[in-house]
Amino acid sequence: MFGLFNLGGGEIILILALVLILFGAKKLPELAKGLGTGIKEFKKATREVSEEVSHAMDETPAPPKRLPADTGATNAQTAQTAQTAQADSAHTVPQSSSSSKA
């Protein structure tokens, strides 16, 4: 029955007897109720997370918005800006470091 822990019937009875001796007959129902509540909340949280994940996977993402088409004037302005940037970079003077010391 409990193959995961390799526990047989005798071991389970021994564990239950030890729990009964340690906690007493009056505390056992309270412990069992608390254990049951904890398991119930854990299952509920697991179910909610799995439902949320499956819901998120079912949603289809919105298609990306397209930008309006460029006009001829805009293309001309872009080309002019690119030419200006190239001309500016041609006029820059690279800095050189002098390695000779007097």
C-alpha atoms as a PDB file:
ATOM      1  CA  MET A   1       0.000   0.000   0.000  1.00  0.00           C
ATOM      2  CA  PHE A   2       2.752   2.463   0.955  1.00  0.00           C
ATOM      3  CA  GLY A   3       5.359   1.248  -1.526  1.00  0.00           C
ATOM      4  CA  LEU A   4       6.979   4.648  -1.705  1.00  0.00           C
ATOM      5  CA  PHE A   5       8.154   4.500   1.907  1.00  0.00           C
ATOM      6  CA  ASN A   6       8.421   0.674   2.077  1.00  0.00           C
ATOM      7  CA  LEU A   7       6.029   0.600   5.026  1.00  0.00           C
ATOM      8  CA  GLY A   8       4.092  -2.525   5.852  1.00  0.00           C
ATOM      9  CA  GLY A   9       1.035  -2.986   8.032  1.00  0.00           C
ATOM     10  CA  GLY A  10       3.072  -3.510  11.205  1.00  0.00           C
ATOM     11  CA  GLU A  11       5.050  -0.322  10.773  1.00  0.00           C
ATOM     12  CA  ILE A  12       1.899   1.729  10.162  1.00  0.00           C
ATOM     13  CA  ILE A  13       0.249   0.350  13.292  1.00  0.00           C
ATOM     14  CA  LEU A  14       3.389   1.117  15.298  1.00  0.00           C
ATOM     15  CA  ILE A  15       3.459   4.718  14.013  1.00  0.00           C
ATOM     16  CA  LEU A  16      -0.236   5.218  14.811  1.00  0.00           C
ATOM     17  CA  ALA A  17       0.285   3.805  18.325  1.00  0.00           C
ATOM     18  CA  LEU A  18       3.196   6.191  18.916  1.00  0.00           C
ATOM     19  CA  VAL A  19       1.120   9.154  17.711  1.00  0.00           C
ATOM     20  CA  LEU A  20      -1.715   8.100  20.042  1.00  0.00           C
ATOM     21  CA  ILE A  21       0.679   7.844  22.992  1.00  0.00           C
ATOM     22  CA  LEU A  22       2.408  11.148  22.257  1.00  0.00           C
ATOM     23  CA  PHE A  23      -0.640  13.311  21.587  1.00  0.00           C
ATOM     24  CA  GLY A  24      -3.407  11.533  23.454  1.00  0.00           C
ATOM     25  CA  ALA A  25      -6.903  10.566  22.344  1.00  0.00           C
ATOM     26  CA  LYS A  26      -8.319  14.072  22.816  1.00  0.00           C
ATOM     27  CA  LYS A  27      -5.812  15.749  20.489  1.00  0.00           C
ATOM     28  CA  LEU A  28      -6.029  13.235  17.620  1.00  0.00           C
ATOM     29  CA  PRO A  29      -9.291  14.583  16.105  1.00  0.00           C
ATOM     30  CA  GLU A  30      -7.898  18.138  16.182  1.00  0.00           C
ATOM     31  CA  LEU A  31      -4.667  17.009  14.505  1.00  0.00           C
ATOM     32  CA  ALA A  32      -6.580  15.061  11.858  1.00  0.00           C
ATOM     33  CA  LYS A  33      -8.850  18.044  11.196  1.00  0.00           C
ATOM     34  CA  GLY A  34      -5.870  20.370  10.817  1.00  0.00           C
ATOM     35  CA  LEU A  35      -4.138  17.907   8.513  1.00  0.00           C
ATOM     36  CA  GLY A  36      -7.279  17.522   6.404  1.00  0.00           C
ATOM     37  CA  THR A  37      -7.714  21.297   6.148  1.00  0.00           C
ATOM     38  CA  GLY A  38      -4.106  21.728   5.081  1.00  0.00           C
ATOM     39  CA  ILE A  39      -4.396  19.074   2.380  1.00  0.00           C
ATOM     40  CA  LYS A  40      -7.674  20.601   1.167  1.00  0.00           C
ATOM     41  CA  GLU A  41      -6.119  24.084   0.870  1.00  0.00           C
ATOM     42  CA  PHE A  42      -3.068  22.672  -0.906  1.00  0.00           C
ATOM     43  CA  LYS A  43      -5.233  20.875  -3.474  1.00  0.00           C
ATOM     44  CA  LYS A  44      -7.322  24.015  -3.991  1.00  0.00           C
ATOM     45  CA  ALA A  45      -4.238  26.161  -4.583  1.00  0.00           C
ATOM     46  CA  THR A  46      -2.806  23.563  -6.975  1.00  0.00           C
ATOM     47  CA  ARG A  47      -6.071  23.417  -8.912  1.00  0.00           C
ATOM     48  CA  GLU A  48      -6.283  27.238  -9.136  1.00  0.00           C
ATOM     49  CA  VAL A  49      -2.719  27.524 -10.424  1.00  0.00           C
ATOM     50  CA  SER A  50      -3.205  24.811 -13.029  1.00  0.00           C
ATOM     51  CA  GLU A  51      -6.482  26.416 -14.185  1.00  0.00           C
ATOM     52  CA  GLU A  52      -4.769  29.805 -14.455  1.00  0.00           C
ATOM     53  CA  VAL A  53      -1.910  28.345 -16.485  1.00  0.00           C
ATOM     54  CA  SER A  54      -4.268  26.509 -18.837  1.00  0.00           C
ATOM     55  CA  HIS A  55      -6.397  29.663 -19.213  1.00  0.00           C
ATOM     56  CA  ALA A  56      -3.297  31.709 -20.039  1.00  0.00           C
ATOM     57  CA  MET A  57      -2.231  29.138 -22.630  1.00  0.00           C
ATOM     58  CA  ASP A  58      -5.704  29.167 -24.229  1.00  0.00           C
ATOM     59  CA  GLU A  59      -5.665  32.916 -24.755  1.00  0.00           C
ATOM     60  CA  THR A  60      -4.412  33.975 -28.151  1.00  0.00           C
ATOM     61  CA  PRO A  61      -2.120  36.982 -28.138  1.00  0.00           C
ATOM     62  CA  ALA A  62      -3.334  40.093 -29.938  1.00  0.00           C
ATOM     63  CA  PRO A  63      -1.759  40.613 -33.356  1.00  0.00           C
ATOM     64  CA  PRO A  64       0.961  43.256 -33.420  1.00  0.00           C
ATOM     65  CA  LYS A  65      -0.171  46.713 -34.437  1.00  0.00           C
ATOM     66  CA  ARG A  66       1.084  47.862 -37.802  1.00  0.00           C
ATOM     67  CA  LEU A  67       2.490  51.292 -38.287  1.00  0.00           C
ATOM     68  CA  PRO A  68       0.922  53.500 -40.950  1.00  0.00           C
ATOM     69  CA  ALA A  69       2.584  53.339 -44.359  1.00  0.00           C
ATOM     70  CA  ASP A  70       5.348  55.882 -44.989  1.00  0.00           C
ATOM     71  CA  THR A  71       4.705  58.615 -47.503  1.00  0.00           C
ATOM     72  CA  GLY A  72       7.137  59.709 -50.190  1.00  0.00           C
ATOM     73  CA  ALA A  73       8.020  62.897 -48.301  1.00  0.00           C
ATOM     74  CA  THR A  74       8.863  60.907 -45.189  1.00  0.00           C
ATOM     75  CA  ASN A  75      11.148  58.607 -47.158  1.00  0.00           C
ATOM     76  CA  ALA A  76      12.909  61.594 -48.674  1.00  0.00           C
ATOM     77  CA  GLN A  77      13.380  63.134 -45.235  1.00  0.00           C
ATOM     78  CA  THR A  78      14.803  59.851 -43.909  1.00  0.00           C
ATOM     79  CA  ALA A  79      17.248  59.638 -46.803  1.00  0.00           C
ATOM     80  CA  GLN A  80      18.327  63.249 -46.281  1.00  0.00           C
ATOM     81  CA  THR A  81      18.871  62.644 -42.558  1.00  0.00           C
ATOM     82  CA  ALA A  82      21.025  59.603 -43.319  1.00  0.00           C
ATOM     83  CA  GLN A  83      23.131  61.597 -45.790  1.00  0.00           C
ATOM     84  CA  THR A  84      23.595  64.397 -43.249  1.00  0.00           C
ATOM     85  CA  ALA A  85      24.730  61.903 -40.618  1.00  0.00           C
ATOM     86  CA  GLN A  86      27.272  60.408 -43.016  1.00  0.00           C
ATOM     87  CA  ALA A  87      28.593  63.859 -43.925  1.00  0.00           C
ATOM     88  CA  ASP A  88      28.935  64.775 -40.243  1.00  0.00           C
ATOM     89  CA  SER A  89      30.871  61.616 -39.486  1.00  0.00           C
ATOM     90  CA  ALA A  90      33.233  62.326 -42.422  1.00  0.00           C
ATOM     91  CA  HIS A  91      34.148  65.714 -40.905  1.00  0.00           C
ATOM     92  CA  THR A  92      35.063  64.390 -37.486  1.00  0.00           C
ATOM     93  CA  VAL A  93      38.724  64.208 -36.655  1.00  0.00           C
ATOM     94  CA  PRO A  94      39.899  61.110 -34.847  1.00  0.00           C
ATOM     95  CA  GLN A  95      41.785  61.704 -31.627  1.00  0.00           C
ATOM     96  CA  SER A  96      45.294  60.363 -31.513  1.00  0.00           C
ATOM     97  CA  SER A  97      47.471  59.914 -28.528  1.00  0.00           C
ATOM     98  CA  SER A  98      51.086  60.857 -28.719  1.00  0.00           C
ATOM     99  CA  SER A  99      53.297  58.130 -27.398  1.00  0.00           C
ATOM    100  CA  SER A 100      56.565  60.095 -27.521  1.00  0.00           C
ATOM    101  CA  LYS A 101      57.666  61.564 -24.239  1.00  0.00           C
ATOM    102  CA  ALA A 102      60.394  64.204 -23.956  1.00  0.00           C
END
